[in-house]
């Protein structure tokens, strides 16, 4: 016999369901993150607030942060704001008035499912960043159990927002074709894929934000933010760097244990968000250990310069040796592209015409101008040059030995030198070869250390000429 449910019982059941739905909604991190007050309020997360606010002005943003500071949570929080249209009262970033279409991207299928999808949708209903009542539908992914390919979310405007989950392992071509309103990259993408992503945002004038710990060091993506190529155009890139000191939720004992188990070359990346030196770095030493403030070079210190020549870039670095300690200080640089030899020579002579130099031995090769070699040409322009020894491995070893022993220091104003130093690395394909790109000052330094040290000298001091009478100095008395 069937049992009829009374209106009172039905009302009670619906009320319980509503209460449970509200409990689930309140459990969602989206409604509990960044409160007004308390130990984890917004005022204690200024880097996160800065990152969100920058979206109102900048097309591309990078949250380059230490492990465990909440960079992925920040990326998921902004994604949820755009998908739902539910922006908090304090929000100062980009606003989507319509239901947007976006991507959330990870390294591979497993990390995308476990990390990106996990933080957005949760491992159980209602525990993800996207409130469960806003989720309209999902489509399962292929290839790995439990993965989601697409999720549709109810937007405040009344429309339905769409989010697709993508992986870098799918390759660049999988990112072609579709226009997107926003793209979130969790973990660092390869440069070719990142570039392809930006083209998906062209017609929509959309946003791209990336969140990762810079364990790949000064990669192409990192450098595109830290050292953008175009200076004339209005800036479109913004970087927020955050370390353990910028968040309140990490326990001191936990930090100590994590640091103790971290390879030395990764510590700054994992604790401060500084790009890692990397296992492939040529000179794996912290900049702070080799950098010194600028200071005048005493006249008694012998000097020389190393020079690397080329049409795309000619680079020169000057060094001086402290006679007392034997420490060599790199104190000046010349870094110019596509200039004539005469302009380079003038800049070099301006540091002191008497200073000897050593030059890339390739300039002794085939003649380039009117049958003259570059070596001859620069000598005729007033430079005191000798060919350097181009022993790459021996030279880098010698430079490294001086750096690590404290016998080679670099003055802080040599910005181009430090820029190359950060990028100078061996390839990651197993050959161990030095990557020959943006290394002109590194080559010039190697020439200076291997060959230029032997030629260092002080400025000649000539006695004023005094005419002498015939018969010697006593002749005046005759």
Protein backbone atom coordinates (compact mmCIF):
# COMPACT_ATOMS: atom_id res chain seq x y z
CA UNK A 1 0.00 0.00 0.00
CA UNK A 2 1.43 3.39 -0.99
CA UNK A 3 2.22 5.95 1.63
CA UNK A 4 1.08 9.49 1.03
CA UNK A 5 3.31 12.34 2.14
CA UNK A 6 1.47 15.18 3.86
CA UNK A 7 2.06 18.81 2.93
CA UNK A 8 3.64 19.34 6.33
CA UNK A 9 6.07 16.47 5.82
CA UNK A 10 6.91 17.69 2.30
CA UNK A 11 7.53 21.19 3.64
CA UNK A 12 9.79 19.81 6.36
CA UNK A 13 11.74 17.76 3.80
CA UNK A 14 12.22 20.77 1.52
CA UNK A 15 13.27 22.90 4.45
CA UNK A 16 15.92 20.36 5.45
CA UNK A 17 17.19 20.26 1.88
CA UNK A 18 17.45 24.05 1.80
CA UNK A 19 19.28 24.06 5.13
CA UNK A 20 21.71 21.42 3.90
CA UNK A 21 22.26 23.34 0.63
CA UNK A 22 22.98 26.49 2.63
CA UNK A 23 25.43 24.58 4.84
CA UNK A 24 27.22 23.31 1.73
CA UNK A 25 27.28 26.83 0.28
CA UNK A 26 28.78 28.22 3.45
CA UNK A 27 31.38 25.45 3.49
CA UNK A 28 32.56 26.53 0.04
CA UNK A 29 35.93 28.29 0.29
CA UNK A 30 34.57 30.95 -2.04
CA UNK A 31 32.35 32.45 0.67
CA UNK A 32 34.86 32.07 3.50
CA UNK A 33 38.09 33.29 1.91
CA UNK A 34 39.50 36.78 2.52
CA UNK A 35 37.10 37.91 5.28
CA UNK A 36 36.87 41.46 6.64
CA UNK A 37 38.44 40.64 9.99
CA UNK A 38 40.37 37.91 11.78
CA UNK A 39 43.84 36.36 11.52
CA UNK A 40 43.30 35.43 7.86
CA UNK A 41 41.57 38.63 6.75
CA UNK A 42 42.41 40.48 3.57
CA UNK A 43 44.79 42.85 5.33
CA UNK A 44 47.10 39.90 6.00
CA UNK A 45 47.22 38.97 2.29
CA UNK A 46 48.31 42.18 0.54
CA UNK A 47 50.05 40.33 -2.31
CA UNK A 48 46.85 38.45 -3.17
CA UNK A 49 44.86 41.71 -3.13
CA UNK A 50 47.46 43.35 -5.36
CA UNK A 51 47.25 40.46 -7.81
CA UNK A 52 43.45 40.66 -8.06
CA UNK A 53 43.39 44.45 -8.45
CA UNK A 54 45.97 44.44 -11.26
CA UNK A 55 43.49 42.58 -13.47
CA UNK A 56 41.58 45.82 -14.02
CA UNK A 57 44.53 47.29 -15.92
CA UNK A 58 46.83 44.50 -17.13
CA UNK A 59 46.10 41.85 -19.73
CA UNK A 60 48.75 39.42 -18.44
CA UNK A 61 49.55 38.75 -14.81
CA UNK A 62 51.99 36.45 -13.08
CA UNK A 63 51.66 35.39 -9.44
CA UNK A 64 55.20 34.10 -8.94
CA UNK A 65 55.18 32.76 -5.43
CA UNK A 66 56.71 30.37 -2.94
CA UNK A 67 55.15 27.01 -2.20
CA UNK A 68 52.14 26.96 0.12
CA UNK A 69 51.36 30.68 0.03
CA UNK A 70 48.01 30.22 -1.74
CA UNK A 71 48.81 31.13 -5.34
CA UNK A 72 46.62 28.31 -6.77
CA UNK A 73 43.83 29.29 -4.40
CA UNK A 74 44.14 32.88 -5.67
CA UNK A 75 43.90 31.70 -9.28
CA UNK A 76 40.85 29.57 -8.50
CA UNK A 77 39.21 32.36 -6.53
CA UNK A 78 39.44 34.79 -9.44
CA UNK A 79 38.24 32.10 -11.86
CA UNK A 80 35.17 31.54 -9.70
CA UNK A 81 34.45 35.28 -9.46
CA UNK A 82 34.35 35.55 -13.25
CA UNK A 83 32.37 32.34 -13.81
CA UNK A 84 29.66 33.26 -11.30
CA UNK A 85 29.74 37.05 -11.57
CA UNK A 86 29.68 37.11 -7.77
CA UNK A 87 32.34 39.69 -7.04
CA UNK A 88 32.88 40.62 -3.38
CA UNK A 89 32.30 44.21 -2.29
CA UNK A 90 36.04 44.78 -1.95
CA UNK A 91 36.88 43.56 -5.47
CA UNK A 92 38.91 46.06 -7.54
CA UNK A 93 39.94 43.79 -10.43
CA UNK A 94 38.40 43.00 -13.79
CA UNK A 95 34.60 42.55 -13.95
CA UNK A 96 32.77 40.41 -16.50
CA UNK A 97 29.21 41.66 -16.90
CA UNK A 98 28.40 38.74 -19.20
CA UNK A 99 28.88 34.99 -18.73
CA UNK A 100 32.47 34.39 -19.90
CA UNK A 101 34.11 31.46 -21.68
CA UNK A 102 37.48 30.45 -20.26
CA UNK A 103 40.15 27.81 -19.78
CA UNK A 104 41.86 26.50 -16.66
CA UNK A 105 45.14 24.82 -17.52
CA UNK A 106 47.61 22.49 -15.85
CA UNK A 107 50.75 20.55 -16.69
CA UNK A 108 49.25 17.14 -17.45
CA UNK A 109 45.99 15.21 -17.08
CA UNK A 110 46.68 14.04 -13.55
CA UNK A 111 47.82 17.36 -12.08
CA UNK A 112 45.00 19.18 -13.86
CA UNK A 113 42.48 16.77 -12.34
CA UNK A 114 44.03 16.67 -8.87
CA UNK A 115 45.03 20.32 -8.50
CA UNK A 116 43.19 22.64 -10.90
CA UNK A 117 39.94 20.70 -11.09
CA UNK A 118 40.30 19.70 -7.45
CA UNK A 119 40.45 23.24 -6.12
CA UNK A 120 37.63 24.47 -8.37
CA UNK A 121 35.16 21.57 -8.09
CA UNK A 122 36.41 19.75 -5.02
CA UNK A 123 36.92 16.07 -4.37
CA UNK A 124 33.42 15.88 -2.93
CA UNK A 125 30.27 17.81 -3.70
CA UNK A 126 30.24 21.35 -2.38
CA UNK A 127 33.88 21.41 -1.30
CA UNK A 128 35.33 23.17 -4.34
CA UNK A 129 35.79 26.88 -4.93
CA UNK A 130 32.81 27.06 -7.30
CA UNK A 131 29.64 27.00 -5.16
CA UNK A 132 27.77 23.78 -5.82
CA UNK A 133 24.44 25.51 -6.45
CA UNK A 134 26.05 27.50 -9.31
CA UNK A 135 27.17 24.40 -11.22
CA UNK A 136 24.75 23.68 -14.08
CA UNK A 137 26.40 20.70 -15.74
CA UNK A 138 29.72 18.95 -16.36
CA UNK A 139 31.17 16.74 -19.09
CA UNK A 140 33.57 13.99 -18.09
CA UNK A 141 37.07 14.03 -19.50
CA UNK A 142 38.71 11.24 -21.47
CA UNK A 143 41.83 9.30 -20.62
CA UNK A 144 41.90 9.55 -16.84
CA UNK A 145 39.24 8.52 -14.33
CA UNK A 146 37.42 11.31 -12.53
CA UNK A 147 38.56 14.09 -14.81
CA UNK A 148 36.22 16.79 -16.08
CA UNK A 149 36.54 18.27 -19.54
CA UNK A 150 34.02 21.14 -19.28
CA UNK A 151 31.89 22.70 -16.56
CA UNK A 152 29.00 25.13 -17.04
CA UNK A 153 28.31 27.66 -14.30
CA UNK A 154 25.34 29.95 -13.71
CA UNK A 155 26.43 33.58 -14.02
CA UNK A 156 24.85 36.44 -12.13
CA UNK A 157 23.79 38.03 -15.42
CA UNK A 158 21.46 35.10 -16.08
CA UNK A 159 23.76 33.55 -18.67
CA UNK A 160 25.74 30.33 -18.44
CA UNK A 161 29.52 30.60 -18.20
CA UNK A 162 31.75 27.87 -19.61
CA UNK A 163 35.11 26.60 -18.34
CA UNK A 164 37.26 24.06 -20.16
CA UNK A 165 40.12 22.17 -18.54
CA UNK A 166 43.28 21.96 -20.67
CA UNK A 167 46.77 20.47 -20.26
CA UNK A 168 50.12 21.53 -21.65
CA UNK A 169 50.87 17.92 -22.59
CA UNK A 170 48.20 18.25 -25.29
CA UNK A 171 50.59 20.48 -27.20
CA UNK A 172 50.31 23.91 -28.79
CA UNK A 173 47.91 22.91 -31.55
CA UNK A 174 45.22 21.92 -29.05
CA UNK A 175 45.08 25.58 -27.99
CA UNK A 176 44.35 26.87 -31.50
CA UNK A 177 41.07 28.15 -32.88
CA UNK A 178 38.76 29.18 -30.06
CA UNK A 179 38.42 32.71 -28.74
CA UNK A 180 38.39 32.94 -24.94
CA UNK A 181 37.51 35.60 -22.40
CA UNK A 182 40.06 34.45 -19.85
CA UNK A 183 42.74 31.81 -19.32
CA UNK A 184 44.19 30.68 -16.01
CA UNK A 185 47.48 28.76 -16.10
CA UNK A 186 48.39 26.91 -12.92
CA UNK A 187 52.06 25.94 -13.15
CA UNK A 188 54.34 27.37 -15.80
CA UNK A 189 53.40 26.71 -19.46
CA UNK A 190 55.91 26.29 -22.29
CA UNK A 191 56.45 29.56 -24.13
CA UNK A 192 54.96 28.38 -27.43
CA UNK A 193 51.75 27.31 -25.69
CA UNK A 194 51.57 30.50 -23.66
CA UNK A 195 51.96 32.57 -26.84
CA UNK A 196 49.17 30.58 -28.51
CA UNK A 197 46.94 31.22 -25.51
CA UNK A 198 47.40 34.97 -25.85
CA UNK A 199 46.08 34.82 -29.41
CA UNK A 200 42.88 33.24 -28.09
CA UNK A 201 42.33 36.46 -26.13
CA UNK A 202 42.96 38.85 -29.02
CA UNK A 203 39.41 39.47 -30.25
CA UNK A 204 37.85 39.38 -26.79
CA UNK A 205 40.50 41.61 -25.17
CA UNK A 206 40.54 38.95 -22.49
CA UNK A 207 42.74 38.20 -19.51
CA UNK A 208 45.51 35.69 -18.79
CA UNK A 209 46.80 35.00 -15.30
CA UNK A 210 49.46 32.50 -14.34
CA UNK A 211 50.29 31.09 -10.92
CA UNK A 212 53.44 29.07 -10.21
CA UNK A 213 56.59 28.62 -8.17
CA UNK A 214 59.52 29.49 -10.50
CA UNK A 215 61.42 26.20 -10.29
CA UNK A 216 62.47 26.44 -13.95
CA UNK A 217 64.51 29.54 -13.13
CA UNK A 218 64.73 32.42 -15.58
CA UNK A 219 62.71 30.68 -18.26
CA UNK A 220 61.29 32.37 -21.35
CA UNK A 221 57.93 32.88 -19.66
CA UNK A 222 59.49 34.31 -16.50
CA UNK A 223 61.77 36.61 -18.48
CA UNK A 224 58.88 37.82 -20.63
CA UNK A 225 57.42 39.27 -17.43
CA UNK A 226 60.57 40.37 -15.64
CA UNK A 227 62.30 41.74 -18.74
CA UNK A 228 59.66 42.57 -21.37
CA UNK A 229 61.10 43.19 -24.81
CA UNK A 230 58.88 46.14 -25.81
CA UNK A 231 59.31 49.33 -23.86
CA UNK A 232 57.52 51.72 -26.22
CA UNK A 233 54.07 50.16 -25.92
CA UNK A 234 51.97 50.60 -22.76
CA UNK A 235 52.81 47.83 -20.27
CA UNK A 236 50.49 44.81 -20.47
CA UNK A 237 52.29 42.53 -18.00
CA UNK A 238 52.22 42.60 -14.22
CA UNK A 239 54.16 40.49 -11.71
CA UNK A 240 53.35 39.83 -8.06
CA UNK A 241 56.06 37.99 -6.15
CA UNK A 242 55.22 36.50 -2.76
CA UNK A 243 57.16 34.46 -0.22
CA UNK A 244 56.52 32.80 3.09
CA UNK A 245 57.00 36.11 4.86
CA UNK A 246 53.95 37.52 3.03
CA UNK A 247 51.32 35.16 4.47
CA UNK A 248 50.25 34.39 8.07
CA UNK A 249 49.04 30.81 7.77
CA UNK A 250 52.35 28.90 7.67
CA UNK A 251 53.70 27.34 10.84
CA UNK A 252 57.33 28.14 11.69
CA UNK A 253 58.19 24.52 12.46
CA UNK A 254 56.66 23.39 9.18
CA UNK A 255 58.71 25.97 7.30
CA UNK A 256 61.89 24.83 9.01
CA UNK A 257 61.28 21.18 8.08
CA UNK A 258 60.45 22.01 4.47
CA UNK A 259 63.58 24.14 4.09
CA UNK A 260 65.78 21.40 5.55
CA UNK A 261 64.58 18.97 2.86
CA UNK A 262 64.90 21.34 -0.09
CA UNK A 263 67.88 21.34 -2.51
CA UNK A 264 69.92 24.52 -1.91
CA UNK A 265 69.42 25.86 -5.43
CA UNK A 266 65.62 25.67 -4.99
CA UNK A 267 65.31 27.28 -1.57
CA UNK A 268 64.76 30.84 -2.76
CA UNK A 269 62.19 29.70 -5.33
CA UNK A 270 60.26 27.58 -2.83
CA UNK A 271 60.39 30.05 0.07
CA UNK A 272 60.57 33.49 -1.56
CA UNK A 273 59.23 33.04 -5.09
CA UNK A 274 62.62 33.94 -6.57
CA UNK A 275 63.39 32.11 -9.84
CA UNK A 276 65.48 29.05 -9.00
CA UNK A 277 69.10 28.97 -10.09
CA UNK A 278 68.36 25.49 -11.37
CA UNK A 279 70.50 22.40 -11.60
CA UNK A 280 71.58 23.59 -15.07
CA UNK A 281 72.83 27.02 -13.98
CA UNK A 282 76.42 27.69 -15.03
CA UNK A 283 77.12 29.71 -11.90
CA UNK A 284 74.76 28.41 -9.17
CA UNK A 285 75.49 31.12 -6.63
CA UNK A 286 73.14 33.69 -5.14
CA UNK A 287 73.52 37.20 -6.56
CA UNK A 288 73.72 38.69 -3.09
CA UNK A 289 77.00 36.85 -2.51
CA UNK A 290 78.76 38.43 -5.47
CA UNK A 291 77.14 41.89 -5.64
CA UNK A 292 78.85 44.94 -4.13
CA UNK A 293 77.82 48.61 -4.10
CA UNK A 294 79.33 50.86 -6.73
CA UNK A 295 82.48 52.66 -5.66
CA UNK A 296 85.28 54.61 -7.37
CA UNK A 297 88.24 52.52 -8.50
CA UNK A 298 91.52 53.74 -6.98
CA UNK A 299 94.21 54.79 -9.44
CA UNK A 300 96.54 52.18 -7.97
CA UNK A 301 94.32 49.27 -9.05
CA UNK A 302 95.33 47.67 -12.37
CA UNK A 303 92.56 47.31 -14.96
CA UNK A 304 91.65 45.56 -18.21
CA UNK A 305 88.55 44.74 -20.22
CA UNK A 306 87.09 41.73 -22.02
CA UNK A 307 85.23 42.20 -25.29
CA UNK A 308 82.77 40.06 -27.25
CA UNK A 309 81.99 41.33 -30.74
CA UNK A 310 79.01 40.89 -33.02
CA UNK A 311 76.56 42.84 -35.17
CA UNK A 312 73.54 41.98 -33.04
CA UNK A 313 75.37 42.72 -29.80
CA UNK A 314 78.80 43.96 -28.81
CA UNK A 315 79.55 43.60 -25.12
CA UNK A 316 82.47 44.78 -23.02
CA UNK A 317 83.12 44.38 -19.30
CA UNK A 318 85.84 46.18 -17.32
CA UNK A 319 87.60 44.67 -14.32
CA UNK A 320 89.99 46.03 -11.72
CA UNK A 321 92.11 44.13 -9.19
CA UNK A 322 92.57 45.18 -5.58
CA UNK A 323 96.38 44.84 -5.08
CA UNK A 324 95.92 44.13 -1.39
CA UNK A 325 93.34 41.33 -1.47
CA UNK A 326 93.65 40.15 -5.07
CA UNK A 327 89.86 40.43 -5.51
CA UNK A 328 88.76 41.41 -9.01
CA UNK A 329 85.83 43.83 -9.31
CA UNK A 330 83.74 44.12 -12.47
CA UNK A 331 82.93 47.82 -12.43
CA UNK A 332 81.63 48.91 -15.85
CA UNK A 333 79.93 47.49 -18.96
CA UNK A 334 79.23 48.43 -22.56
CA UNK A 335 76.22 46.68 -24.13
CA UNK A 336 75.09 47.85 -27.53
CA UNK A 337 73.52 46.25 -30.58
CA UNK A 338 73.87 46.99 -34.27
CA UNK A 339 76.49 49.72 -33.93
CA UNK A 340 79.44 50.54 -36.11
CA UNK A 341 82.95 49.72 -34.77
CA UNK A 342 83.70 53.43 -34.46
CA UNK A 343 80.82 53.99 -32.02
CA UNK A 344 81.86 50.99 -29.92
CA UNK A 345 85.49 52.12 -29.91
CA UNK A 346 84.54 55.62 -28.78
CA UNK A 347 82.51 54.24 -25.86
CA UNK A 348 85.36 51.94 -24.87
CA UNK A 349 88.02 54.66 -25.04
CA UNK A 350 85.88 56.92 -22.86
CA UNK A 351 86.56 54.57 -19.90
CA UNK A 352 90.29 55.12 -20.36
CA UNK A 353 92.29 54.92 -23.59
CA UNK A 354 95.20 53.40 -21.71
CA UNK A 355 93.22 50.36 -20.46
CA UNK A 356 94.24 47.18 -22.36
CA UNK A 357 91.67 44.65 -23.51
CA UNK A 358 91.26 41.11 -24.76
CA UNK A 359 88.80 40.31 -27.52
CA UNK A 360 86.87 37.39 -28.94
CA UNK A 361 89.46 35.54 -31.06
CA UNK A 362 86.93 35.07 -33.86
CA UNK A 363 87.69 38.69 -34.86
CA UNK A 364 91.00 37.38 -36.26
CA UNK A 365 89.08 35.50 -38.95
CA UNK A 366 88.13 36.52 -42.45
CA UNK A 367 88.23 40.20 -43.27
CA UNK A 368 84.97 42.08 -42.94
CA UNK A 369 85.67 45.65 -44.03
CA UNK A 370 88.01 46.50 -46.90
CA UNK A 371 90.10 43.42 -46.30
CA UNK A 372 90.74 44.30 -42.67
CA UNK A 373 89.87 42.07 -39.78
CA UNK A 374 87.88 43.42 -36.86
CA UNK A 375 91.00 43.03 -34.75
CA UNK A 376 92.91 45.38 -37.06
CA UNK A 377 89.99 47.77 -37.36
CA UNK A 378 89.52 48.18 -33.61
CA UNK A 379 93.27 48.56 -33.12
CA UNK A 380 93.32 51.34 -35.71
CA UNK A 381 90.48 53.00 -33.78
CA UNK A 382 92.75 53.32 -30.75
CA UNK A 383 92.03 50.19 -28.68
CA UNK A 384 94.88 48.20 -27.13
CA UNK A 385 93.71 44.69 -27.94
CA UNK A 386 94.98 41.14 -27.80
CA UNK A 387 93.08 37.98 -28.78
CA UNK A 388 91.69 36.07 -25.81
CA UNK A 389 91.95 32.34 -25.22
CA UNK A 390 88.53 30.89 -26.03
CA UNK A 391 88.55 27.81 -23.78
CA UNK A 392 84.87 27.66 -22.84
CA UNK A 393 84.77 24.94 -20.18
CA UNK A 394 88.10 25.89 -18.63
CA UNK A 395 87.08 29.53 -18.68
CA UNK A 396 83.70 29.03 -17.02
CA UNK A 397 85.38 26.84 -14.40
CA UNK A 398 87.90 29.58 -13.65
CA UNK A 399 85.15 32.21 -13.36
CA UNK A 400 83.16 29.90 -11.08
CA UNK A 401 86.17 29.30 -8.85
CA UNK A 402 86.67 33.04 -8.42
CA UNK A 403 82.98 33.66 -7.74
CA UNK A 404 82.57 30.92 -5.17
CA UNK A 405 85.81 31.84 -3.38
CA UNK A 406 84.86 35.51 -3.13
CA UNK A 407 87.68 36.67 -5.42
CA UNK A 408 85.35 38.01 -8.14
CA UNK A 409 82.73 40.65 -7.29
CA UNK A 410 80.33 42.60 -9.48
CA UNK A 411 79.19 46.16 -8.87
CA UNK A 412 75.44 46.57 -8.55
CA UNK A 413 75.01 48.95 -11.51
CA UNK A 414 75.96 46.29 -14.10
CA UNK A 415 72.33 45.51 -14.88
CA UNK A 416 72.97 43.85 -18.24
CA UNK A 417 75.64 41.63 -16.71
CA UNK A 418 73.23 40.40 -14.03
CA UNK A 419 70.47 39.90 -16.61
CA UNK A 420 72.70 37.53 -18.58
CA UNK A 421 74.03 35.90 -15.39
CA UNK A 422 70.48 34.88 -14.40
CA UNK A 423 69.85 33.22 -17.77
CA UNK A 424 73.23 31.56 -18.25
CA UNK A 425 72.58 27.81 -18.22
CA UNK A 426 73.15 24.43 -19.83
CA UNK A 427 70.45 22.77 -21.91
CA UNK A 428 68.10 20.26 -20.32
CA UNK A 429 68.32 17.70 -23.12
CA UNK A 430 71.14 15.70 -21.59
CA UNK A 431 74.02 17.09 -23.66
CA UNK A 432 75.11 19.52 -20.96
CA UNK A 433 76.03 22.14 -23.56
CA UNK A 434 75.91 25.82 -22.65
CA UNK A 435 72.91 27.49 -24.25
CA UNK A 436 74.42 30.10 -26.58
CA UNK A 437 71.84 32.83 -26.23
CA UNK A 438 72.08 36.20 -24.48
CA UNK A 439 75.57 35.39 -23.18
CA UNK A 440 77.71 38.18 -24.62
CA UNK A 441 78.79 39.67 -21.30
CA UNK A 442 79.31 36.19 -19.91
CA UNK A 443 81.73 35.51 -22.79
CA UNK A 444 83.43 38.86 -22.25
CA UNK A 445 83.86 38.03 -18.56
CA UNK A 446 85.39 34.69 -19.43
CA UNK A 447 87.86 36.38 -21.81
CA UNK A 448 88.76 38.91 -19.11
CA UNK A 449 89.39 36.28 -16.43
CA UNK A 450 91.28 33.79 -18.60
CA UNK A 451 93.38 36.26 -20.60
CA UNK A 452 92.74 39.82 -19.47
CA UNK A 453 94.04 39.39 -15.92
CA UNK A 454 97.52 38.92 -17.33
CA UNK A 455 97.34 42.30 -19.08
CA UNK A 456 95.92 44.38 -16.22
CA UNK A 457 97.85 47.58 -15.68
CA UNK A 458 97.59 50.98 -14.05
CA UNK A 459 97.42 54.29 -15.88
CA UNK A 460 100.92 55.47 -16.90
CA UNK A 461 102.15 58.47 -14.98
CA UNK A 462 104.54 60.61 -17.04
CA UNK A 463 106.91 63.22 -15.46
CA UNK A 464 106.59 66.69 -16.97
CA UNK A 465 109.28 67.36 -19.57
CA UNK A 466 111.97 69.80 -18.43
CA UNK A 467 114.42 70.97 -21.11
CA UNK A 468 118.07 70.42 -20.14
CA UNK A 469 120.90 72.72 -21.28
CA UNK A 470 123.76 71.41 -23.32
CA UNK A 471 126.38 70.09 -20.95
CA UNK A 472 123.95 68.77 -18.35
CA UNK A 473 121.97 70.39 -15.56
CA UNK A 474 125.01 72.14 -14.08
CA UNK A 475 125.57 74.07 -17.29
CA UNK A 476 123.09 76.74 -16.10
CA UNK A 477 125.56 77.67 -13.42
CA UNK A 478 128.40 78.25 -15.83
